[in-house]
Amino acid sequence: MADEDDDEDDQDGGGDDDGGEPSEKGGKKVIIIVAVLFLLVVGGLAAAYFTGLMDPVIEMIIGPVADGEEGGEQEAAQGRAVFYDLQELLVNLNTGGRKSSFLKIRVSLELVSEDDRAKLDTVMPRIIDNFQTYLRELRIDDLKGSAGMYRLREELLIRVNAAAAPAKIKDVLFKEMLIQ
């Protein structure tokens, strides 16, 4: 008889199922909301980390990150800069058949180490040749504004690093630039 009562309770439990259905829908909604909030928080933290906004917080928690020798080498290189002055370059600019225009430029190269100075001496004719051929194809419009100067700096840096392959040049610095 007890088994019959259990069967009757199960059959009458249809009312409980109706009550259970809304709670399941409500439970699914809560799970979806929690999952969306979790993804938003994780996405926000990931974005903050990759954009560098989390760096001060991370440094505050774990202290300054020591990269061992690599970090020390970078600090040493930043502490003592090595510069190499190139000779003055005077080139005709590409004017497309109009009146001649000239570019007079003096450049200094920032080297990674003092050892690279000797390497640059051996490949200096190649560096000057690369600079001359590039500069002769420039137009006056290519040199206008800070964007033009930035592009010129990047192109010269690419060319000098290609010509002085074993040596590494960090930056190209303009000492003088005159367009006539």
Protein backbone atom coordinates (compact mmCIF):
# COMPACT_ATOMS: atom_id res chain seq x y z
CA MET A 1 0.00 0.00 0.00
CA ALA A 2 2.79 2.31 0.67
CA ASP A 3 3.87 1.73 -2.90
CA GLU A 4 0.39 2.70 -4.12
CA ASP A 5 0.50 5.92 -2.08
CA ASP A 6 3.86 6.78 -3.65
CA ASP A 7 2.44 6.19 -7.12
CA GLU A 8 -0.52 8.42 -6.32
CA ASP A 9 1.78 11.13 -5.04
CA ASP A 10 3.78 10.93 -8.25
CA GLN A 11 0.60 11.26 -10.30
CA ASP A 12 -0.63 14.14 -8.19
CA GLY A 13 2.85 15.66 -8.40
CA GLY A 14 1.84 17.12 -11.77
CA GLY A 15 1.02 20.30 -9.87
CA ASP A 16 4.54 20.34 -8.49
CA ASP A 17 5.96 20.05 -12.00
CA ASP A 18 4.04 23.15 -13.04
CA GLY A 19 5.56 24.94 -10.08
CA GLY A 20 9.00 23.53 -10.94
CA GLU A 21 8.91 24.70 -14.55
CA PRO A 22 8.91 28.42 -13.79
CA SER A 23 11.73 27.94 -11.32
CA GLU A 24 13.75 26.12 -14.00
CA LYS A 25 13.18 29.00 -16.44
CA GLY A 26 14.13 31.44 -13.72
CA GLY A 27 17.21 29.35 -12.93
CA LYS A 28 18.24 29.35 -16.60
CA LYS A 29 17.84 33.13 -16.74
CA VAL A 30 20.00 33.56 -13.65
CA ILE A 31 22.68 31.29 -15.10
CA ILE A 32 22.67 33.20 -18.39
CA ILE A 33 22.87 36.57 -16.60
CA VAL A 34 25.71 35.35 -14.38
CA ALA A 35 27.57 33.95 -17.42
CA VAL A 36 27.18 37.21 -19.36
CA LEU A 37 28.37 39.26 -16.38
CA PHE A 38 31.31 36.90 -15.90
CA LEU A 39 32.29 37.23 -19.57
CA LEU A 40 32.01 41.03 -19.40
CA VAL A 41 34.24 41.20 -16.33
CA VAL A 42 36.82 38.81 -17.80
CA GLY A 43 36.76 40.66 -21.14
CA GLY A 44 37.18 44.01 -19.40
CA LEU A 45 40.10 42.75 -17.33
CA ALA A 46 41.74 41.23 -20.42
CA ALA A 47 41.32 44.50 -22.33
CA ALA A 48 42.78 46.47 -19.42
CA TYR A 49 45.73 44.08 -19.18
CA PHE A 50 46.56 44.15 -22.88
CA THR A 51 46.25 47.93 -23.16
CA GLY A 52 48.61 48.36 -20.20
CA LEU A 53 46.08 49.86 -17.82
CA MET A 54 46.67 47.04 -15.36
CA ASP A 55 50.46 47.47 -15.22
CA PRO A 56 50.48 49.82 -12.19
CA VAL A 57 48.07 47.52 -10.33
CA ILE A 58 50.13 44.43 -11.14
CA GLU A 59 53.35 46.20 -10.17
CA MET A 60 51.76 47.32 -6.90
CA ILE A 61 50.68 43.75 -6.10
CA ILE A 62 53.78 41.78 -7.09
CA GLY A 63 56.39 44.53 -7.08
CA PRO A 64 58.67 45.56 -9.94
CA VAL A 65 59.14 42.81 -12.48
CA ALA A 66 62.79 41.79 -12.73
CA ASP A 67 63.62 40.23 -16.09
CA GLY A 68 67.06 39.23 -14.88
CA GLU A 69 69.89 40.02 -17.25
CA GLU A 70 67.63 41.26 -20.02
CA GLY A 71 66.16 44.03 -17.87
CA GLY A 72 69.60 44.99 -16.57
CA GLU A 73 70.98 45.08 -20.09
CA GLN A 74 68.18 47.38 -21.22
CA GLU A 75 68.77 49.72 -18.28
CA ALA A 76 72.49 49.80 -19.01
CA ALA A 77 71.84 50.58 -22.66
CA GLN A 78 69.43 53.36 -21.71
CA GLY A 79 71.89 54.80 -19.20
CA ARG A 80 74.68 55.39 -21.70
CA ALA A 81 73.68 56.24 -25.22
CA VAL A 82 76.16 55.77 -28.06
CA PHE A 83 75.85 58.09 -31.05
CA TYR A 84 77.50 57.98 -34.45
CA ASP A 85 77.46 61.14 -36.58
CA LEU A 86 77.18 60.70 -40.33
CA GLN A 87 78.65 63.11 -42.81
CA GLU A 88 76.43 65.82 -44.22
CA LEU A 89 74.35 64.67 -47.19
CA LEU A 90 73.31 66.97 -50.04
CA VAL A 91 70.94 65.50 -52.64
CA ASN A 92 68.66 66.65 -55.46
CA LEU A 93 65.02 65.97 -54.72
CA ASN A 94 62.69 64.49 -57.33
CA THR A 95 60.82 67.52 -58.66
CA GLY A 96 59.42 65.94 -61.81
CA GLY A 97 61.29 68.22 -64.23
CA ARG A 98 60.52 71.47 -62.44
CA LYS A 99 63.08 73.75 -60.85
CA SER A 100 65.74 71.84 -58.91
CA SER A 101 65.31 71.44 -55.18
CA PHE A 102 67.98 70.27 -52.80
CA LEU A 103 67.91 68.55 -49.43
CA LYS A 104 70.75 69.08 -47.01
CA ILE A 105 70.60 66.71 -44.06
CA ARG A 106 72.83 65.81 -41.11
CA VAL A 107 71.98 62.63 -39.28
CA SER A 108 73.18 60.96 -36.11
CA LEU A 109 72.64 57.25 -35.44
CA GLU A 110 71.92 55.90 -31.97
CA LEU A 111 73.72 52.59 -31.52
CA VAL A 112 72.97 49.75 -29.16
CA SER A 113 76.58 49.36 -28.03
CA GLU A 114 80.01 50.89 -28.47
CA ASP A 115 81.13 47.73 -30.33
CA ASP A 116 78.83 48.62 -33.23
CA ARG A 117 80.85 51.77 -34.01
CA ALA A 118 83.66 49.74 -35.63
CA LYS A 119 81.14 47.68 -37.61
CA LEU A 120 79.57 50.87 -38.96
CA ASP A 121 82.93 52.18 -40.13
CA THR A 122 83.36 49.15 -42.36
CA VAL A 123 79.93 49.45 -44.02
CA MET A 124 79.67 53.25 -44.15
CA PRO A 125 79.86 53.49 -47.99
CA ARG A 126 76.88 51.12 -48.23
CA ILE A 127 74.88 53.16 -45.69
CA ILE A 128 75.58 56.43 -47.53
CA ASP A 129 74.62 54.80 -50.84
CA ASN A 130 71.32 53.52 -49.41
CA PHE A 131 70.53 56.95 -47.99
CA GLN A 132 71.45 58.76 -51.23
CA THR A 133 69.32 56.53 -53.47
CA TYR A 134 66.33 56.82 -51.16
CA LEU A 135 66.62 60.58 -50.61
CA ARG A 136 66.97 61.34 -54.33
CA GLU A 137 63.53 59.81 -55.00
CA LEU A 138 61.78 61.94 -52.39
CA ARG A 139 59.54 64.83 -53.38
CA ILE A 140 59.14 68.00 -51.35
CA ASP A 141 55.60 66.93 -50.42
CA ASP A 142 57.01 63.73 -48.88
CA LEU A 143 58.92 65.80 -46.33
CA LYS A 144 56.13 68.15 -45.22
CA GLY A 145 54.92 68.06 -41.65
CA SER A 146 55.70 65.82 -38.74
CA ALA A 147 54.22 62.80 -40.54
CA GLY A 148 56.74 63.28 -43.36
CA MET A 149 59.60 63.52 -40.87
CA TYR A 150 58.40 60.38 -39.11
CA ARG A 151 58.20 58.41 -42.37
CA LEU A 152 61.67 59.63 -43.36
CA ARG A 153 63.08 58.57 -39.99
CA GLU A 154 61.49 55.11 -40.24
CA GLU A 155 62.71 54.57 -43.82
CA LEU A 156 66.25 55.64 -42.97
CA LEU A 157 66.24 53.36 -39.91
CA ILE A 158 65.15 50.40 -42.04
CA ARG A 159 67.85 51.12 -44.61
CA VAL A 160 70.67 51.62 -42.12
CA ASN A 161 69.77 48.42 -40.25
CA ALA A 162 69.73 46.51 -43.54
CA ALA A 163 73.12 47.90 -44.57
CA ALA A 164 74.77 47.37 -41.19
CA ALA A 165 73.25 43.92 -40.66
CA PRO A 166 75.35 42.61 -37.77
CA ALA A 167 75.20 45.97 -35.98
CA LYS A 168 71.91 47.17 -34.51
CA ILE A 169 70.87 50.82 -34.76
CA LYS A 170 68.19 51.97 -32.32
CA ASP A 171 67.24 55.29 -33.85
CA VAL A 172 67.98 57.87 -36.53
CA LEU A 173 68.22 61.41 -35.17
CA PHE A 174 68.06 64.51 -37.34
CA LYS A 175 70.63 67.16 -36.49
CA GLU A 176 69.91 69.44 -39.42
CA MET A 177 67.52 69.38 -42.34
CA LEU A 178 67.27 72.07 -44.99
CA ILE A 179 65.16 72.03 -48.15
CA GLN A 180 66.11 74.61 -50.76
